Amino acid sequence: MGPERLLLILVVILIIVIIWRGPKTLPLIGRAFGQGVKEARREISEIKSDMDKKSDDGTGGTDGTPTA
């Protein structure tokens, strides 16, 4: 699925929500989306920092043994 198709789906969903629930729910939807993006970025940075720590330790495996 390409980004154009995903964007089209999101726009259609947004239009359906506006018609069904009214424009007052848009700030709630935006806030929830923003919190989701914020949490995803935080998780990605935690994963990157964990990977950096493992590479600094010289351990590649999860059991603590060095990789060849």
C-alpha atoms as a PDB file:
ATOM      1  CA  MET A   1       0.000   0.000   0.000  1.00  0.00           C
ATOM      2  CA  GLY A   2       1.521   3.267  -1.105  1.00  0.00           C
ATOM      3  CA  PRO A   3       1.524   6.536   0.797  1.00  0.00           C
ATOM      4  CA  GLU A   4      -0.988   8.079  -1.614  1.00  0.00           C
ATOM      5  CA  ARG A   5      -3.505   5.343  -0.928  1.00  0.00           C
ATOM      6  CA  LEU A   6      -2.979   5.605   2.822  1.00  0.00           C
ATOM      7  CA  LEU A   7      -3.497   9.368   2.688  1.00  0.00           C
ATOM      8  CA  LEU A   8      -6.685   8.903   0.686  1.00  0.00           C
ATOM      9  CA  ILE A   9      -8.011   6.419   3.246  1.00  0.00           C
ATOM     10  CA  LEU A  10      -7.231   8.815   6.104  1.00  0.00           C
ATOM     11  CA  VAL A  11      -8.996  11.691   4.330  1.00  0.00           C
ATOM     12  CA  VAL A  12     -12.085   9.561   3.721  1.00  0.00           C
ATOM     13  CA  ILE A  13     -12.129   8.490   7.376  1.00  0.00           C
ATOM     14  CA  LEU A  14     -11.787  12.132   8.442  1.00  0.00           C
ATOM     15  CA  ILE A  15     -14.721  13.170   6.251  1.00  0.00           C
ATOM     16  CA  ILE A  16     -16.865  10.331   7.627  1.00  0.00           C
ATOM     17  CA  VAL A  17     -16.028  11.333  11.211  1.00  0.00           C
ATOM     18  CA  ILE A  18     -16.854  14.985  10.522  1.00  0.00           C
ATOM     19  CA  ILE A  19     -20.214  14.052   9.026  1.00  0.00           C
ATOM     20  CA  TRP A  20     -21.041  11.481  11.701  1.00  0.00           C
ATOM     21  CA  ARG A  21     -19.784  13.190  14.889  1.00  0.00           C
ATOM     22  CA  GLY A  22     -19.567  16.829  13.859  1.00  0.00           C
ATOM     23  CA  PRO A  23     -16.618  19.210  13.743  1.00  0.00           C
ATOM     24  CA  LYS A  24     -16.354  19.440  17.538  1.00  0.00           C
ATOM     25  CA  THR A  25     -14.539  16.097  17.656  1.00  0.00           C
ATOM     26  CA  LEU A  26     -11.685  17.251  15.409  1.00  0.00           C
ATOM     27  CA  PRO A  27      -9.572  18.624  18.294  1.00  0.00           C
ATOM     28  CA  LEU A  28     -10.020  15.348  20.163  1.00  0.00           C
ATOM     29  CA  ILE A  29      -8.952  13.360  17.132  1.00  0.00           C
ATOM     30  CA  GLY A  30      -5.956  15.632  16.579  1.00  0.00           C
ATOM     31  CA  ARG A  31      -4.909  15.361  20.215  1.00  0.00           C
ATOM     32  CA  ALA A  32      -5.149  11.565  20.160  1.00  0.00           C
ATOM     33  CA  PHE A  33      -3.166  11.404  16.924  1.00  0.00           C
ATOM     34  CA  GLY A  34      -0.496  13.714  18.324  1.00  0.00           C
ATOM     35  CA  GLN A  35      -0.165  11.644  21.479  1.00  0.00           C
ATOM     36  CA  GLY A  36       0.189   8.507  19.385  1.00  0.00           C
ATOM     37  CA  VAL A  37       2.943  10.055  17.286  1.00  0.00           C
ATOM     38  CA  LYS A  38       4.703  11.308  20.418  1.00  0.00           C
ATOM     39  CA  GLU A  39       4.593   7.858  22.008  1.00  0.00           C
ATOM     40  CA  ALA A  40       5.827   6.187  18.819  1.00  0.00           C
ATOM     41  CA  ARG A  41       8.792   8.582  18.626  1.00  0.00           C
ATOM     42  CA  ARG A  42       9.620   7.933  22.270  1.00  0.00           C
ATOM     43  CA  GLU A  43       9.549   4.165  21.732  1.00  0.00           C
ATOM     44  CA  ILE A  44      11.758   4.457  18.649  1.00  0.00           C
ATOM     45  CA  SER A  45      14.312   6.555  20.531  1.00  0.00           C
ATOM     46  CA  GLU A  46      14.324   4.017  23.396  1.00  0.00           C
ATOM     47  CA  ILE A  47      14.951   1.183  20.951  1.00  0.00           C
ATOM     48  CA  LYS A  48      17.767   3.132  19.283  1.00  0.00           C
ATOM     49  CA  SER A  49      19.402   3.917  22.627  1.00  0.00           C
ATOM     50  CA  ASP A  50      19.150   0.243  23.656  1.00  0.00           C
ATOM     51  CA  MET A  51      20.790  -0.769  20.380  1.00  0.00           C
ATOM     52  CA  ASP A  52      23.536   1.804  20.890  1.00  0.00           C
ATOM     53  CA  LYS A  53      24.188   0.511  24.416  1.00  0.00           C
ATOM     54  CA  LYS A  54      24.472  -3.049  23.134  1.00  0.00           C
ATOM     55  CA  SER A  55      26.884  -2.016  20.385  1.00  0.00           C
ATOM     56  CA  ASP A  56      28.994  -0.057  22.920  1.00  0.00           C
ATOM     57  CA  ASP A  57      29.182  -3.124  25.170  1.00  0.00           C
ATOM     58  CA  GLY A  58      30.429  -5.238  22.288  1.00  0.00           C
ATOM     59  CA  THR A  59      27.675  -7.756  22.745  1.00  0.00           C
ATOM     60  CA  GLY A  60      25.625  -8.629  19.750  1.00  0.00           C
ATOM     61  CA  GLY A  61      23.536 -11.448  21.124  1.00  0.00           C
ATOM     62  CA  THR A  62      20.838 -11.196  23.698  1.00  0.00           C
ATOM     63  CA  ASP A  63      22.614 -13.677  25.966  1.00  0.00           C
ATOM     64  CA  GLY A  64      25.671 -11.443  26.421  1.00  0.00           C
ATOM     65  CA  THR A  65      28.038 -13.410  24.207  1.00  0.00           C
ATOM     66  CA  PRO A  66      30.121 -11.394  21.740  1.00  0.00           C
ATOM     67  CA  THR A  67      29.437 -11.880  18.070  1.00  0.00           C
ATOM     68  CA  ALA A  68      32.145 -12.811  15.582  1.00  0.00           C
END
